[in-house]
Amino acid sequence: MSRVKGGVTANKRRKYILAETKGYRFGRSKKKREAKEAIYHAQLHAFDHRKDKKVDFRQLWISRLNAALKAHGLRYNAFIKTLADKKIALNRKMLSTIAKDRPEAFERLVKKIG
């Protein structure tokens, strides 16, 4: 049986790993072992941070709403409860966008609730 050398496969694997770390600094973009570890950590953080991003945006929307409501003398939690009681189905993203981009429409909404 003939001997199989793994040079072609090893080079292909190495090129793929280094292509994944293109743009990384120092040995992380040039050395296979460091690059493999960099890829592992990058993918781990990417997964975690996709989850964190949802939390961050919800906090941003709530902060924007609270700031807009203070101008009308309302508190965020009272406003949200009143919306739920009156069965007005607008989520926090929509409400914060309206408050930021269309303050006159947001004012009409606040008056309708109050």
C-alpha atoms as a PDB file:
ATOM      1  CA  MET A   1       0.000   0.000   0.000  1.00  0.00           C
ATOM      2  CA  SER A   2       1.343   3.414  -0.854  1.00  0.00           C
ATOM      3  CA  ARG A   3       2.128   6.005   1.779  1.00  0.00           C
ATOM      4  CA  VAL A   4      -0.230   9.005   2.091  1.00  0.00           C
ATOM      5  CA  LYS A   5       1.347  12.246   3.166  1.00  0.00           C
ATOM      6  CA  GLY A   6      -0.971  14.888   4.644  1.00  0.00           C
ATOM      7  CA  GLY A   7       0.745  17.984   3.305  1.00  0.00           C
ATOM      8  CA  VAL A   8      -2.017  19.149   0.963  1.00  0.00           C
ATOM      9  CA  THR A   9      -4.768  18.653   3.544  1.00  0.00           C
ATOM     10  CA  ALA A  10      -2.710  20.254   6.322  1.00  0.00           C
ATOM     11  CA  ASN A  11      -1.954  23.295   4.168  1.00  0.00           C
ATOM     12  CA  LYS A  12      -5.613  23.636   3.204  1.00  0.00           C
ATOM     13  CA  ARG A  13      -6.670  23.435   6.851  1.00  0.00           C
ATOM     14  CA  ARG A  14      -4.028  25.983   7.873  1.00  0.00           C
ATOM     15  CA  LYS A  15      -5.038  28.395   5.096  1.00  0.00           C
ATOM     16  CA  TYR A  16      -8.688  28.164   6.193  1.00  0.00           C
ATOM     17  CA  ILE A  17      -7.824  28.898   9.820  1.00  0.00           C
ATOM     18  CA  LEU A  18      -5.591  31.827   8.914  1.00  0.00           C
ATOM     19  CA  ALA A  19      -8.235  33.203   6.561  1.00  0.00           C
ATOM     20  CA  GLU A  20     -10.704  33.207   9.481  1.00  0.00           C
ATOM     21  CA  THR A  21      -8.312  35.350  11.534  1.00  0.00           C
ATOM     22  CA  LYS A  22      -7.469  37.825   8.794  1.00  0.00           C
ATOM     23  CA  GLY A  23      -7.149  41.271  10.302  1.00  0.00           C
ATOM     24  CA  TYR A  24      -6.277  40.032  13.791  1.00  0.00           C
ATOM     25  CA  ARG A  25      -3.121  41.458  15.324  1.00  0.00           C
ATOM     26  CA  PHE A  26       0.254  39.849  15.985  1.00  0.00           C
ATOM     27  CA  GLY A  27       0.620  36.054  15.980  1.00  0.00           C
ATOM     28  CA  ARG A  28      -3.126  35.537  16.067  1.00  0.00           C
ATOM     29  CA  SER A  29      -3.240  36.116  12.321  1.00  0.00           C
ATOM     30  CA  LYS A  30       0.025  34.347  11.389  1.00  0.00           C
ATOM     31  CA  LYS A  31       0.422  31.281  13.586  1.00  0.00           C
ATOM     32  CA  LYS A  32      -1.928  28.342  13.307  1.00  0.00           C
ATOM     33  CA  ARG A  33      -2.027  27.475  17.002  1.00  0.00           C
ATOM     34  CA  GLU A  34      -2.690  31.050  18.144  1.00  0.00           C
ATOM     35  CA  ALA A  35      -5.179  31.539  15.320  1.00  0.00           C
ATOM     36  CA  LYS A  36      -7.183  28.452  16.340  1.00  0.00           C
ATOM     37  CA  GLU A  37      -7.480  29.771  19.890  1.00  0.00           C
ATOM     38  CA  ALA A  38      -8.440  33.231  18.629  1.00  0.00           C
ATOM     39  CA  ILE A  39     -11.198  31.728  16.473  1.00  0.00           C
ATOM     40  CA  TYR A  40     -12.503  29.715  19.439  1.00  0.00           C
ATOM     41  CA  HIS A  41     -12.715  32.775  21.682  1.00  0.00           C
ATOM     42  CA  ALA A  42     -14.153  34.987  18.954  1.00  0.00           C
ATOM     43  CA  GLN A  43     -16.976  32.541  18.257  1.00  0.00           C
ATOM     44  CA  LEU A  44     -17.665  32.139  21.967  1.00  0.00           C
ATOM     45  CA  HIS A  45     -17.925  35.896  22.500  1.00  0.00           C
ATOM     46  CA  ALA A  46     -19.953  36.373  19.326  1.00  0.00           C
ATOM     47  CA  PHE A  47     -22.602  33.971  20.639  1.00  0.00           C
ATOM     48  CA  ASP A  48     -22.728  35.630  24.063  1.00  0.00           C
ATOM     49  CA  HIS A  49     -22.774  39.129  22.648  1.00  0.00           C
ATOM     50  CA  ARG A  50     -25.622  38.377  20.245  1.00  0.00           C
ATOM     51  CA  LYS A  51     -27.653  37.598  23.371  1.00  0.00           C
ATOM     52  CA  ASP A  52     -26.359  40.701  25.205  1.00  0.00           C
ATOM     53  CA  LYS A  53     -27.254  42.938  22.261  1.00  0.00           C
ATOM     54  CA  LYS A  54     -30.951  42.219  22.779  1.00  0.00           C
ATOM     55  CA  VAL A  55     -30.693  43.262  26.432  1.00  0.00           C
ATOM     56  CA  ASP A  56     -28.737  46.404  25.522  1.00  0.00           C
ATOM     57  CA  PHE A  57     -31.317  47.534  22.988  1.00  0.00           C
ATOM     58  CA  ARG A  58     -34.213  46.955  25.392  1.00  0.00           C
ATOM     59  CA  GLN A  59     -32.394  49.105  27.992  1.00  0.00           C
ATOM     60  CA  LEU A  60     -31.870  51.817  25.387  1.00  0.00           C
ATOM     61  CA  TRP A  61     -35.553  51.843  24.429  1.00  0.00           C
ATOM     62  CA  ILE A  62     -36.631  52.033  28.068  1.00  0.00           C
ATOM     63  CA  SER A  63     -34.197  54.905  28.745  1.00  0.00           C
ATOM     64  CA  ARG A  64     -35.475  56.831  25.727  1.00  0.00           C
ATOM     65  CA  LEU A  65     -39.077  56.283  26.760  1.00  0.00           C
ATOM     66  CA  ASN A  66     -38.406  57.338  30.336  1.00  0.00           C
ATOM     67  CA  ALA A  67     -36.700  60.530  29.167  1.00  0.00           C
ATOM     68  CA  ALA A  68     -39.574  61.362  26.813  1.00  0.00           C
ATOM     69  CA  LEU A  69     -42.170  60.657  29.504  1.00  0.00           C
ATOM     70  CA  LYS A  70     -40.461  62.865  32.107  1.00  0.00           C
ATOM     71  CA  ALA A  71     -41.212  65.846  29.873  1.00  0.00           C
ATOM     72  CA  HIS A  72     -44.911  64.937  30.205  1.00  0.00           C
ATOM     73  CA  GLY A  73     -44.731  64.354  33.957  1.00  0.00           C
ATOM     74  CA  LEU A  74     -45.171  60.582  33.743  1.00  0.00           C
ATOM     75  CA  ARG A  75     -43.116  57.657  34.945  1.00  0.00           C
ATOM     76  CA  TYR A  76     -42.148  54.752  32.709  1.00  0.00           C
ATOM     77  CA  ASN A  77     -43.700  51.973  34.787  1.00  0.00           C
ATOM     78  CA  ALA A  78     -47.042  53.789  35.156  1.00  0.00           C
ATOM     79  CA  PHE A  79     -47.103  54.467  31.412  1.00  0.00           C
ATOM     80  CA  ILE A  80     -46.451  50.827  30.487  1.00  0.00           C
ATOM     81  CA  LYS A  81     -49.085  49.599  32.940  1.00  0.00           C
ATOM     82  CA  THR A  82     -51.659  52.018  31.540  1.00  0.00           C
ATOM     83  CA  LEU A  83     -50.851  50.874  27.996  1.00  0.00           C
ATOM     84  CA  ALA A  84     -51.410  47.265  29.032  1.00  0.00           C
ATOM     85  CA  ASP A  85     -54.664  48.095  30.836  1.00  0.00           C
ATOM     86  CA  LYS A  86     -56.048  49.942  27.799  1.00  0.00           C
ATOM     87  CA  LYS A  87     -54.896  47.079  25.530  1.00  0.00           C
ATOM     88  CA  ILE A  88     -52.717  49.302  23.342  1.00  0.00           C
ATOM     89  CA  ALA A  89     -50.308  46.907  21.645  1.00  0.00           C
ATOM     90  CA  LEU A  90     -47.165  48.933  21.040  1.00  0.00           C
ATOM     91  CA  ASN A  91     -43.822  47.488  22.052  1.00  0.00           C
ATOM     92  CA  ARG A  92     -40.957  49.420  23.602  1.00  0.00           C
ATOM     93  CA  LYS A  93     -39.059  49.653  20.323  1.00  0.00           C
ATOM     94  CA  MET A  94     -42.009  51.242  18.525  1.00  0.00           C
ATOM     95  CA  LEU A  95     -42.739  53.589  21.410  1.00  0.00           C
ATOM     96  CA  SER A  96     -39.144  54.789  21.701  1.00  0.00           C
ATOM     97  CA  THR A  97     -38.919  55.338  17.941  1.00  0.00           C
ATOM     98  CA  ILE A  98     -42.116  57.393  18.001  1.00  0.00           C
ATOM     99  CA  ALA A  99     -40.866  59.379  21.006  1.00  0.00           C
ATOM    100  CA  LYS A 100     -37.523  60.084  19.314  1.00  0.00           C
ATOM    101  CA  ASP A 101     -38.598  60.740  15.730  1.00  0.00           C
ATOM    102  CA  ARG A 102     -42.203  61.996  16.042  1.00  0.00           C
ATOM    103  CA  PRO A 103     -42.597  63.865  19.357  1.00  0.00           C
ATOM    104  CA  GLU A 104     -45.975  65.342  18.351  1.00  0.00           C
ATOM    105  CA  ALA A 105     -47.421  61.874  17.742  1.00  0.00           C
ATOM    106  CA  PHE A 106     -45.967  60.673  21.047  1.00  0.00           C
ATOM    107  CA  GLU A 107     -47.576  63.628  22.810  1.00  0.00           C
ATOM    108  CA  ARG A 108     -50.989  62.684  21.335  1.00  0.00           C
ATOM    109  CA  LEU A 109     -50.490  59.121  22.554  1.00  0.00           C
ATOM    110  CA  VAL A 110     -49.625  60.312  26.064  1.00  0.00           C
ATOM    111  CA  LYS A 111     -52.709  62.567  26.126  1.00  0.00           C
ATOM    112  CA  LYS A 112     -54.916  59.687  24.956  1.00  0.00           C
ATOM    113  CA  ILE A 113     -53.664  57.523  27.814  1.00  0.00           C
ATOM    114  CA  GLY A 114     -53.696  60.246  30.487  1.00  0.00           C
END
